[in-house]
Amino acid sequence: PGKQRELVASITSGRTNYPDSVKGRFTISRDNANKAIFLQMNSL
């Protein structure tokens, strides 16, 4: 609310990257066969 859109997770050739604000809590993954990506968010 009232904020700009921000990147919270990325996945590139299997490598993942997160900003400090979510590192250790969020996990991105992808399933190319089913054309899907996921974001597991813990300790919200």
ModelCIF file with pLDDT and N, C-alpha, C, O atoms, coordinates in Angstrom:
data_MODEL
#
_entry.id   MODEL 
#
_entity.id                         1 
_entity.type                       polymer 
_entity.pdbx_number_of_molecules   1 
#
_entity_poly.entity_id                      1 
_entity_poly.type                           'polypeptide(L)' 
_entity_poly.nstd_linkage                   no 
_entity_poly.nstd_monomer                   no 
_entity_poly.pdbx_seq_one_letter_code       PGKQRELVASITSGRTNYPDSVKGRFTISRDNANKAIFLQMNSL 
_entity_poly.pdbx_seq_one_letter_code_can   PGKQRELVASITSGRTNYPDSVKGRFTISRDNANKAIFLQMNSL 
_entity_poly.pdbx_strand_id                 A 
#
loop_
_entity_poly_seq.entity_id 
_entity_poly_seq.num 
_entity_poly_seq.mon_id 
_entity_poly_seq.hetero 
1 1  PRO n 
1 2  GLY n 
1 3  LYS n 
1 4  GLN n 
1 5  ARG n 
1 6  GLU n 
1 7  LEU n 
1 8  VAL n 
1 9  ALA n 
1 10 SER n 
1 11 ILE n 
1 12 THR n 
1 13 SER n 
1 14 GLY n 
1 15 ARG n 
1 16 THR n 
1 17 ASN n 
1 18 TYR n 
1 19 PRO n 
1 20 ASP n 
1 21 SER n 
1 22 VAL n 
1 23 LYS n 
1 24 GLY n 
1 25 ARG n 
1 26 PHE n 
1 27 THR n 
1 28 ILE n 
1 29 SER n 
1 30 ARG n 
1 31 ASP n 
1 32 ASN n 
1 33 ALA n 
1 34 ASN n 
1 35 LYS n 
1 36 ALA n 
1 37 ILE n 
1 38 PHE n 
1 39 LEU n 
1 40 GLN n 
1 41 MET n 
1 42 ASN n 
1 43 SER n 
1 44 LEU n 
#
_struct_asym.id          A 
_struct_asym.entity_id   1 
#
loop_
_ma_qa_metric.id 
_ma_qa_metric.mode 
_ma_qa_metric.name 
_ma_qa_metric.software_group_id 
_ma_qa_metric.type 
1 global pLDDT . pLDDT 
2 local  pLDDT . pLDDT 
#
_ma_qa_metric_global.metric_id      1 
_ma_qa_metric_global.metric_value   96.07 
_ma_qa_metric_global.model_id       1 
_ma_qa_metric_global.ordinal_id     1 
#
loop_
_ma_qa_metric_local.label_asym_id 
_ma_qa_metric_local.label_comp_id 
_ma_qa_metric_local.label_seq_id 
_ma_qa_metric_local.metric_id 
_ma_qa_metric_local.metric_value 
_ma_qa_metric_local.model_id 
_ma_qa_metric_local.ordinal_id 
A PRO 1  2 92.00 1 1  
A GLY 2  2 94.00 1 2  
A LYS 3  2 96.00 1 3  
A GLN 4  2 97.00 1 4  
A ARG 5  2 97.00 1 5  
A GLU 6  2 98.00 1 6  
A LEU 7  2 98.00 1 7  
A VAL 8  2 98.00 1 8  
A ALA 9  2 98.00 1 9  
A SER 10 2 98.00 1 10 
A ILE 11 2 97.00 1 11 
A THR 12 2 92.00 1 12 
A SER 13 2 85.00 1 13 
A GLY 14 2 80.00 1 14 
A ARG 15 2 95.00 1 15 
A THR 16 2 98.00 1 16 
A ASN 17 2 98.00 1 17 
A TYR 18 2 98.00 1 18 
A PRO 19 2 98.00 1 19 
A ASP 20 2 98.00 1 20 
A SER 21 2 97.00 1 21 
A VAL 22 2 98.00 1 22 
A LYS 23 2 98.00 1 23 
A GLY 24 2 98.00 1 24 
A ARG 25 2 98.00 1 25 
A PHE 26 2 98.00 1 26 
A THR 27 2 98.00 1 27 
A ILE 28 2 98.00 1 28 
A SER 29 2 97.00 1 29 
A ARG 30 2 95.00 1 30 
A ASP 31 2 95.00 1 31 
A ASN 32 2 92.00 1 32 
A ALA 33 2 93.00 1 33 
A ASN 34 2 94.00 1 34 
A LYS 35 2 94.00 1 35 
A ALA 36 2 96.00 1 36 
A ILE 37 2 97.00 1 37 
A PHE 38 2 98.00 1 38 
A LEU 39 2 98.00 1 39 
A GLN 40 2 98.00 1 40 
A MET 41 2 98.00 1 41 
A ASN 42 2 98.00 1 42 
A SER 43 2 98.00 1 43 
A LEU 44 2 98.00 1 44 
#
loop_
_atom_site.group_PDB 
_atom_site.id 
_atom_site.type_symbol 
_atom_site.label_atom_id 
_atom_site.label_alt_id 
_atom_site.label_comp_id 
_atom_site.label_asym_id 
_atom_site.label_entity_id 
_atom_site.label_seq_id 
_atom_site.pdbx_PDB_ins_code 
_atom_site.Cartn_x 
_atom_site.Cartn_y 
_atom_site.Cartn_z 
_atom_site.occupancy 
_atom_site.B_iso_or_equiv 
_atom_site.pdbx_formal_charge 
_atom_site.auth_seq_id 
_atom_site.auth_comp_id 
_atom_site.auth_asym_id 
_atom_site.auth_atom_id 
_atom_site.pdbx_PDB_model_num 
ATOM 1   N N  . PRO A 1 1  ? 0.824  -1.211  0.000   1.00 92.00 ? 1  PRO A N  1 
ATOM 2   C CA . PRO A 1 1  ? 0.000  0.000   0.000   1.00 92.00 ? 1  PRO A CA 1 
ATOM 3   C C  . PRO A 1 1  ? 0.861  1.265   0.000   1.00 92.00 ? 1  PRO A C  1 
ATOM 4   O O  . PRO A 1 1  ? 1.691  1.454   0.890   1.00 92.00 ? 1  PRO A O  1 
ATOM 5   N N  . GLY A 1 2  ? 0.665  2.119   -0.983  1.00 94.00 ? 2  GLY A N  1 
ATOM 6   C CA . GLY A 1 2  ? 1.399  3.365   -1.051  1.00 94.00 ? 2  GLY A CA 1 
ATOM 7   C C  . GLY A 1 2  ? 2.870  3.223   -1.392  1.00 94.00 ? 2  GLY A C  1 
ATOM 8   O O  . GLY A 1 2  ? 3.642  4.168   -1.229  1.00 94.00 ? 2  GLY A O  1 
ATOM 9   N N  . LYS A 1 3  ? 3.262  2.049   -1.864  1.00 96.00 ? 3  LYS A N  1 
ATOM 10  C CA . LYS A 1 3  ? 4.680  1.809   -2.163  1.00 96.00 ? 3  LYS A CA 1 
ATOM 11  C C  . LYS A 1 3  ? 4.872  1.491   -3.639  1.00 96.00 ? 3  LYS A C  1 
ATOM 12  O O  . LYS A 1 3  ? 3.925  1.140   -4.342  1.00 96.00 ? 3  LYS A O  1 
ATOM 13  N N  . GLN A 1 4  ? 6.108  1.619   -4.093  1.00 97.00 ? 4  GLN A N  1 
ATOM 14  C CA . GLN A 1 4  ? 6.437  1.216   -5.449  1.00 97.00 ? 4  GLN A CA 1 
ATOM 15  C C  . GLN A 1 4  ? 6.601  -0.305  -5.521  1.00 97.00 ? 4  GLN A C  1 
ATOM 16  O O  . GLN A 1 4  ? 6.899  -0.966  -4.527  1.00 97.00 ? 4  GLN A O  1 
ATOM 17  N N  . ARG A 1 5  ? 6.400  -0.824  -6.707  1.00 97.00 ? 5  ARG A N  1 
ATOM 18  C CA . ARG A 1 5  ? 6.611  -2.247  -6.912  1.00 97.00 ? 5  ARG A CA 1 
ATOM 19  C C  . ARG A 1 5  ? 8.089  -2.581  -6.730  1.00 97.00 ? 5  ARG A C  1 
ATOM 20  O O  . ARG A 1 5  ? 8.959  -1.848  -7.202  1.00 97.00 ? 5  ARG A O  1 
ATOM 21  N N  . GLU A 1 6  ? 8.371  -3.690  -6.043  1.00 98.00 ? 6  GLU A N  1 
ATOM 22  C CA . GLU A 1 6  ? 9.753  -4.075  -5.791  1.00 98.00 ? 6  GLU A CA 1 
ATOM 23  C C  . GLU A 1 6  ? 9.944  -5.560  -6.062  1.00 98.00 ? 6  GLU A C  1 
ATOM 24  O O  . GLU A 1 6  ? 9.014  -6.358  -5.945  1.00 98.00 ? 6  GLU A O  1 
ATOM 25  N N  . LEU A 1 7  ? 11.164 -5.906  -6.422  1.00 98.00 ? 7  LEU A N  1 
ATOM 26  C CA . LEU A 1 7  ? 11.535 -7.300  -6.657  1.00 98.00 ? 7  LEU A CA 1 
ATOM 27  C C  . LEU A 1 7  ? 11.849 -7.958  -5.321  1.00 98.00 ? 7  LEU A C  1 
ATOM 28  O O  . LEU A 1 7  ? 12.615 -7.418  -4.523  1.00 98.00 ? 7  LEU A O  1 
ATOM 29  N N  . VAL A 1 8  ? 11.255 -9.130  -5.075  1.00 98.00 ? 8  VAL A N  1 
ATOM 30  C CA . VAL A 1 8  ? 11.524 -9.834  -3.819  1.00 98.00 ? 8  VAL A CA 1 
ATOM 31  C C  . VAL A 1 8  ? 12.224 -11.176 -4.037  1.00 98.00 ? 8  VAL A C  1 
ATOM 32  O O  . VAL A 1 8  ? 12.704 -11.779 -3.077  1.00 98.00 ? 8  VAL A O  1 
ATOM 33  N N  . ALA A 1 9  ? 12.287 -11.639 -5.250  1.00 98.00 ? 9  ALA A N  1 
ATOM 34  C CA . ALA A 1 9  ? 12.996 -12.890 -5.511  1.00 98.00 ? 9  ALA A CA 1 
ATOM 35  C C  . ALA A 1 9  ? 13.201 -13.030 -7.011  1.00 98.00 ? 9  ALA A C  1 
ATOM 36  O O  . ALA A 1 9  ? 12.348 -12.626 -7.801  1.00 98.00 ? 9  ALA A O  1 
ATOM 37  N N  . SER A 1 10 ? 14.331 -13.601 -7.401  1.00 98.00 ? 10 SER A N  1 
ATOM 38  C CA . SER A 1 10 ? 14.567 -13.872 -8.813  1.00 98.00 ? 10 SER A CA 1 
ATOM 39  C C  . SER A 1 10 ? 15.272 -15.205 -8.961  1.00 98.00 ? 10 SER A C  1 
ATOM 40  O O  . SER A 1 10 ? 15.966 -15.668 -8.056  1.00 98.00 ? 10 SER A O  1 
ATOM 41  N N  . ILE A 1 11 ? 15.077 -15.812 -10.125 1.00 97.00 ? 11 ILE A N  1 
ATOM 42  C CA . ILE A 1 11 ? 15.724 -17.083 -10.421 1.00 97.00 ? 11 ILE A CA 1 
ATOM 43  C C  . ILE A 1 11 ? 16.236 -17.042 -11.850 1.00 97.00 ? 11 ILE A C  1 
ATOM 44  O O  . ILE A 1 11 ? 15.477 -16.804 -12.790 1.00 97.00 ? 11 ILE A O  1 
ATOM 45  N N  . THR A 1 12 ? 17.529 -17.277 -12.002 1.00 92.00 ? 12 THR A N  1 
ATOM 46  C CA . THR A 1 12 ? 18.215 -17.174 -13.293 1.00 92.00 ? 12 THR A CA 1 
ATOM 47  C C  . THR A 1 12 ? 19.114 -18.388 -13.438 1.00 92.00 ? 12 THR A C  1 
ATOM 48  O O  . THR A 1 12 ? 20.069 -18.556 -12.679 1.00 92.00 ? 12 THR A O  1 
ATOM 49  N N  . SER A 1 13 ? 18.811 -19.227 -14.402 1.00 85.00 ? 13 SER A N  1 
ATOM 50  C CA . SER A 1 13 ? 19.624 -20.425 -14.638 1.00 85.00 ? 13 SER A CA 1 
ATOM 51  C C  . SER A 1 13 ? 19.870 -21.198 -13.346 1.00 85.00 ? 13 SER A C  1 
ATOM 52  O O  . SER A 1 13 ? 20.964 -21.709 -13.105 1.00 85.00 ? 13 SER A O  1 
ATOM 53  N N  . GLY A 1 14 ? 18.825 -21.271 -12.523 1.00 80.00 ? 14 GLY A N  1 
ATOM 54  C CA . GLY A 1 14 ? 18.934 -22.026 -11.284 1.00 80.00 ? 14 GLY A CA 1 
ATOM 55  C C  . GLY A 1 14 ? 19.477 -21.250 -10.108 1.00 80.00 ? 14 GLY A C  1 
ATOM 56  O O  . GLY A 1 14 ? 19.360 -21.688 -8.964  1.00 80.00 ? 14 GLY A O  1 
ATOM 57  N N  . ARG A 1 15 ? 20.068 -20.108 -10.376 1.00 95.00 ? 15 ARG A N  1 
ATOM 58  C CA . ARG A 1 15 ? 20.570 -19.271 -9.273  1.00 95.00 ? 15 ARG A CA 1 
ATOM 59  C C  . ARG A 1 15 ? 19.446 -18.362 -8.783  1.00 95.00 ? 15 ARG A C  1 
ATOM 60  O O  . ARG A 1 15 ? 18.673 -17.817 -9.571  1.00 95.00 ? 15 ARG A O  1 
ATOM 61  N N  . THR A 1 16 ? 19.378 -18.216 -7.487  1.00 98.00 ? 16 THR A N  1 
ATOM 62  C CA . THR A 1 16 ? 18.338 -17.386 -6.883  1.00 98.00 ? 16 THR A CA 1 
ATOM 63  C C  . THR A 1 16 ? 18.952 -16.191 -6.176  1.00 98.00 ? 16 THR A C  1 
ATOM 64  O O  . THR A 1 16 ? 20.110 -16.216 -5.759  1.00 98.00 ? 16 THR A O  1 
ATOM 65  N N  . ASN A 1 17 ? 18.153 -15.156 -6.054  1.00 98.00 ? 17 ASN A N  1 
ATOM 66  C CA . ASN A 1 17 ? 18.641 -13.947 -5.399  1.00 98.00 ? 17 ASN A CA 1 
ATOM 67  C C  . ASN A 1 17 ? 17.476 -13.281 -4.677  1.00 98.00 ? 17 ASN A C  1 
ATOM 68  O O  . ASN A 1 17 ? 16.346 -13.285 -5.163  1.00 98.00 ? 17 ASN A O  1 
ATOM 69  N N  . TYR A 1 18 ? 17.769 -12.706 -3.503  1.00 98.00 ? 18 TYR A N  1 
ATOM 70  C CA . TYR A 1 18 ? 16.739 -12.084 -2.683  1.00 98.00 ? 18 TYR A CA 1 
ATOM 71  C C  . TYR A 1 18 ? 17.280 -10.805 -2.065  1.00 98.00 ? 18 TYR A C  1 
ATOM 72  O O  . TYR A 1 18 ? 18.472 -10.719 -1.767  1.00 98.00 ? 18 TYR A O  1 
ATOM 73  N N  . PRO A 1 19 ? 16.428 -9.816  -1.869  1.00 98.00 ? 19 PRO A N  1 
ATOM 74  C CA . PRO A 1 19 ? 16.867 -8.653  -1.093  1.00 98.00 ? 19 PRO A CA 1 
ATOM 75  C C  . PRO A 1 19 ? 16.943 -9.037  0.382   1.00 98.00 ? 19 PRO A C  1 
ATOM 76  O O  . PRO A 1 19 ? 16.379 -10.043 0.811   1.00 98.00 ? 19 PRO A O  1 
ATOM 77  N N  . ASP A 1 20 ? 17.642 -8.223  1.132   1.00 98.00 ? 20 ASP A N  1 
ATOM 78  C CA . ASP A 1 20 ? 17.829 -8.514  2.554   1.00 98.00 ? 20 ASP A CA 1 
ATOM 79  C C  . ASP A 1 20 ? 16.502 -8.599  3.307   1.00 98.00 ? 20 ASP A C  1 
ATOM 80  O O  . ASP A 1 20 ? 16.394 -9.319  4.300   1.00 98.00 ? 20 ASP A O  1 
ATOM 81  N N  . SER A 1 21 ? 15.495 -7.867  2.838   1.00 97.00 ? 21 SER A N  1 
ATOM 82  C CA . SER A 1 21 ? 14.225 -7.812  3.550   1.00 97.00 ? 21 SER A CA 1 
ATOM 83  C C  . SER A 1 21 ? 13.509 -9.165  3.608   1.00 97.00 ? 21 SER A C  1 
ATOM 84  O O  . SER A 1 21 ? 12.686 -9.387  4.496   1.00 97.00 ? 21 SER A O  1 
ATOM 85  N N  . VAL A 1 22 ? 13.812 -10.072 2.671   1.00 98.00 ? 22 VAL A N  1 
ATOM 86  C CA . VAL A 1 22 ? 13.129 -11.368 2.657   1.00 98.00 ? 22 VAL A CA 1 
ATOM 87  C C  . VAL A 1 22 ? 14.102 -12.542 2.694   1.00 98.00 ? 22 VAL A C  1 
ATOM 88  O O  . VAL A 1 22 ? 13.676 -13.693 2.788   1.00 98.00 ? 22 VAL A O  1 
ATOM 89  N N  . LYS A 1 23 ? 15.390 -12.269 2.623   1.00 98.00 ? 23 LYS A N  1 
ATOM 90  C CA . LYS A 1 23 ? 16.388 -13.336 2.581   1.00 98.00 ? 23 LYS A CA 1 
ATOM 91  C C  . LYS A 1 23 ? 16.261 -14.228 3.812   1.00 98.00 ? 23 LYS A C  1 
ATOM 92  O O  . LYS A 1 23 ? 16.165 -13.745 4.940   1.00 98.00 ? 23 LYS A O  1 
ATOM 93  N N  . GLY A 1 24 ? 16.262 -15.532 3.574   1.00 98.00 ? 24 GLY A N  1 
ATOM 94  C CA . GLY A 1 24 ? 16.111 -16.494 4.653   1.00 98.00 ? 24 GLY A CA 1 
ATOM 95  C C  . GLY A 1 24 ? 14.679 -16.838 4.979   1.00 98.00 ? 24 GLY A C  1 
ATOM 96  O O  . GLY A 1 24 ? 14.416 -17.784 5.721   1.00 98.00 ? 24 GLY A O  1 
ATOM 97  N N  . ARG A 1 25 ? 13.732 -16.062 4.418   1.00 98.00 ? 25 ARG A N  1 
ATOM 98  C CA . ARG A 1 25 ? 12.313 -16.316 4.679   1.00 98.00 ? 25 ARG A CA 1 
ATOM 99  C C  . ARG A 1 25 ? 11.564 -16.740 3.422   1.00 98.00 ? 25 ARG A C  1 
ATOM 100 O O  . ARG A 1 25 ? 10.622 -17.529 3.494   1.00 98.00 ? 25 ARG A O  1 
ATOM 101 N N  . PHE A 1 26 ? 11.979 -16.221 2.272   1.00 98.00 ? 26 PHE A N  1 
ATOM 102 C CA . PHE A 1 26 ? 11.306 -16.504 1.001   1.00 98.00 ? 26 PHE A CA 1 
ATOM 103 C C  . PHE A 1 26 ? 12.195 -17.410 0.152   1.00 98.00 ? 26 PHE A C  1 
ATOM 104 O O  . PHE A 1 26 ? 13.421 -17.303 0.179   1.00 98.00 ? 26 PHE A O  1 
ATOM 105 N N  . THR A 1 27 ? 11.552 -18.302 -0.601  1.00 98.00 ? 27 THR A N  1 
ATOM 106 C CA . THR A 1 27 ? 12.266 -19.179 -1.521  1.00 98.00 ? 27 THR A CA 1 
ATOM 107 C C  . THR A 1 27 ? 11.528 -19.246 -2.845  1.00 98.00 ? 27 THR A C  1 
ATOM 108 O O  . THR A 1 27 ? 10.346 -19.587 -2.889  1.00 98.00 ? 27 THR A O  1 
ATOM 109 N N  . ILE A 1 28 ? 12.228 -18.921 -3.927  1.00 98.00 ? 28 ILE A N  1 
ATOM 110 C CA . ILE A 1 28 ? 11.647 -19.004 -5.266  1.00 98.00 ? 28 ILE A CA 1 
ATOM 111 C C  . ILE A 1 28 ? 12.086 -20.307 -5.917  1.00 98.00 ? 28 ILE A C  1 
ATOM 112 O O  . ILE A 1 28 ? 13.212 -20.769 -5.732  1.00 98.00 ? 28 ILE A O  1 
ATOM 113 N N  . SER A 1 29 ? 11.169 -20.887 -6.683  1.00 97.00 ? 29 SER A N  1 
ATOM 114 C CA . SER A 1 29 ? 11.493 -22.090 -7.441  1.00 97.00 ? 29 SER A CA 1 
ATOM 115 C C  . SER A 1 29 ? 10.684 -22.087 -8.726  1.00 97.00 ? 29 SER A C  1 
ATOM 116 O O  . SER A 1 29 ? 9.730  -21.322 -8.868  1.00 97.00 ? 29 SER A O  1 
ATOM 117 N N  . ARG A 1 30 ? 11.072 -22.951 -9.668  1.00 95.00 ? 30 ARG A N  1 
ATOM 118 C CA . ARG A 1 30 ? 10.339 -22.997 -10.927 1.00 95.00 ? 30 ARG A CA 1 
ATOM 119 C C  . ARG A 1 30 ? 10.212 -24.430 -11.416 1.00 95.00 ? 30 ARG A C  1 
ATOM 120 O O  . ARG A 1 30 ? 11.022 -25.297 -11.084 1.00 95.00 ? 30 ARG A O  1 
ATOM 121 N N  . ASP A 1 31 ? 9.194  -24.653 -12.199 1.00 95.00 ? 31 ASP A N  1 
ATOM 122 C CA . ASP A 1 31 ? 8.927  -25.945 -12.812 1.00 95.00 ? 31 ASP A CA 1 
ATOM 123 C C  . ASP A 1 31 ? 8.707  -25.677 -14.298 1.00 95.00 ? 31 ASP A C  1 
ATOM 124 O O  . ASP A 1 31 ? 7.591  -25.374 -14.719 1.00 95.00 ? 31 ASP A O  1 
ATOM 125 N N  . ASN A 1 32 ? 9.761  -25.787 -15.085 1.00 92.00 ? 32 ASN A N  1 
ATOM 126 C CA . ASN A 1 32 ? 9.651  -25.441 -16.502 1.00 92.00 ? 32 ASN A CA 1 
ATOM 127 C C  . ASN A 1 32 ? 8.716  -26.375 -17.254 1.00 92.00 ? 32 ASN A C  1 
ATOM 128 O O  . ASN A 1 32 ? 8.027  -25.948 -18.181 1.00 92.00 ? 32 ASN A O  1 
ATOM 129 N N  . ALA A 1 33 ? 8.685  -27.631 -16.871 1.00 93.00 ? 33 ALA A N  1 
ATOM 130 C CA . ALA A 1 33 ? 7.826  -28.592 -17.564 1.00 93.00 ? 33 ALA A CA 1 
ATOM 131 C C  . ALA A 1 33 ? 6.355  -28.195 -17.475 1.00 93.00 ? 33 ALA A C  1 
ATOM 132 O O  . ALA A 1 33 ? 5.579  -28.421 -18.403 1.00 93.00 ? 33 ALA A O  1 
ATOM 133 N N  . ASN A 1 34 ? 5.991  -27.601 -16.346 1.00 94.00 ? 34 ASN A N  1 
ATOM 134 C CA . ASN A 1 34 ? 4.612  -27.179 -16.143 1.00 94.00 ? 34 ASN A CA 1 
ATOM 135 C C  . ASN A 1 34 ? 4.428  -25.669 -16.233 1.00 94.00 ? 34 ASN A C  1 
ATOM 136 O O  . ASN A 1 34 ? 3.370  -25.139 -15.895 1.00 94.00 ? 34 ASN A O  1 
ATOM 137 N N  . LYS A 1 35 ? 5.479  -24.980 -16.697 1.00 94.00 ? 35 LYS A N  1 
ATOM 138 C CA . LYS A 1 35 ? 5.423  -23.532 -16.893 1.00 94.00 ? 35 LYS A CA 1 
ATOM 139 C C  . LYS A 1 35 ? 4.910  -22.825 -15.647 1.00 94.00 ? 35 LYS A C  1 
ATOM 140 O O  . LYS A 1 35 ? 3.917  -22.099 -15.693 1.00 94.00 ? 35 LYS A O  1 
ATOM 141 N N  . ALA A 1 36 ? 5.592  -23.047 -14.550 1.00 96.00 ? 36 ALA A N  1 
ATOM 142 C CA . ALA A 1 36 ? 5.152  -22.463 -13.286 1.00 96.00 ? 36 ALA A CA 1 
ATOM 143 C C  . ALA A 1 36 ? 6.339  -22.001 -12.472 1.00 96.00 ? 36 ALA A C  1 
ATOM 144 O O  . ALA A 1 36 ? 7.432  -22.560 -12.570 1.00 96.00 ? 36 ALA A O  1 
ATOM 145 N N  . ILE A 1 37 ? 6.120  -20.991 -11.680 1.00 97.00 ? 37 ILE A N  1 
ATOM 146 C CA . ILE A 1 37 ? 7.085  -20.627 -10.653 1.00 97.00 ? 37 ILE A CA 1 
ATOM 147 C C  . ILE A 1 37 ? 6.344  -20.471 -9.329  1.00 97.00 ? 37 ILE A C  1 
ATOM 148 O O  . ILE A 1 37 ? 5.130  -20.267 -9.302  1.00 97.00 ? 37 ILE A O  1 
ATOM 149 N N  . PHE A 1 38 ? 7.080  -20.569 -8.248  1.00 98.00 ? 38 PHE A N  1 
ATOM 150 C CA . PHE A 1 38 ? 6.502  -20.597 -6.919  1.00 98.00 ? 38 PHE A CA 1 
ATOM 151 C C  . PHE A 1 38 ? 7.287  -19.667 -5.997  1.00 98.00 ? 38 PHE A C  1 
ATOM 152 O O  . PHE A 1 38 ? 8.459  -19.370 -6.229  1.00 98.00 ? 38 PHE A O  1 
ATOM 153 N N  . LEU A 1 39 ? 6.611  -19.225 -4.957  1.00 98.00 ? 39 LEU A N  1 
ATOM 154 C CA . LEU A 1 39 ? 7.278  -18.451 -3.918  1.00 98.00 ? 39 LEU A CA 1 
ATOM 155 C C  . LEU A 1 39 ? 6.799  -18.979 -2.570  1.00 98.00 ? 39 LEU A C  1 
ATOM 156 O O  . LEU A 1 39 ? 5.648  -18.778 -2.181  1.00 98.00 ? 39 LEU A O  1 
ATOM 157 N N  . GLN A 1 40 ? 7.690  -19.650 -1.875  1.00 98.00 ? 40 GLN A N  1 
ATOM 158 C CA . GLN A 1 40 ? 7.404  -20.097 -0.513  1.00 98.00 ? 40 GLN A CA 1 
ATOM 159 C C  . GLN A 1 40 ? 7.786  -18.980 0.434   1.00 98.00 ? 40 GLN A C  1 
ATOM 160 O O  . GLN A 1 40 ? 8.931  -18.529 0.449   1.00 98.00 ? 40 GLN A O  1 
ATOM 161 N N  . MET A 1 41 ? 6.829  -18.537 1.219   1.00 98.00 ? 41 MET A N  1 
ATOM 162 C CA . MET A 1 41 ? 7.045  -17.425 2.136   1.00 98.00 ? 41 MET A CA 1 
ATOM 163 C C  . MET A 1 41 ? 6.813  -17.913 3.559   1.00 98.00 ? 41 MET A C  1 
ATOM 164 O O  . MET A 1 41 ? 5.715  -18.352 3.903   1.00 98.00 ? 41 MET A O  1 
ATOM 165 N N  . ASN A 1 42 ? 7.840  -17.836 4.372   1.00 98.00 ? 42 ASN A N  1 
ATOM 166 C CA . ASN A 1 42 ? 7.762  -18.253 5.770   1.00 98.00 ? 42 ASN A CA 1 
ATOM 167 C C  . ASN A 1 42 ? 8.020  -17.061 6.681   1.00 98.00 ? 42 ASN A C  1 
ATOM 168 O O  . ASN A 1 42 ? 8.525  -16.026 6.247   1.00 98.00 ? 42 ASN A O  1 
ATOM 169 N N  . SER A 1 43 ? 7.670  -17.225 7.936   1.00 98.00 ? 43 SER A N  1 
ATOM 170 C CA . SER A 1 43 ? 7.911  -16.184 8.947   1.00 98.00 ? 43 SER A CA 1 
ATOM 171 C C  . SER A 1 43 ? 7.409  -14.829 8.462   1.00 98.00 ? 43 SER A C  1 
ATOM 172 O O  . SER A 1 43 ? 8.112  -13.822 8.548   1.00 98.00 ? 43 SER A O  1 
ATOM 173 N N  . LEU A 1 44 ? 6.201  -14.822 7.958   1.00 98.00 ? 44 LEU A N  1 
ATOM 174 C CA . LEU A 1 44 ? 5.653  -13.596 7.362   1.00 98.00 ? 44 LEU A CA 1 
ATOM 175 C C  . LEU A 1 44 ? 5.472  -12.503 8.397   1.00 98.00 ? 44 LEU A C  1 
ATOM 176 O O  . LEU A 1 44 ? 5.021  -11.407 8.064   1.00 98.00 ? 44 LEU A O  1 
#
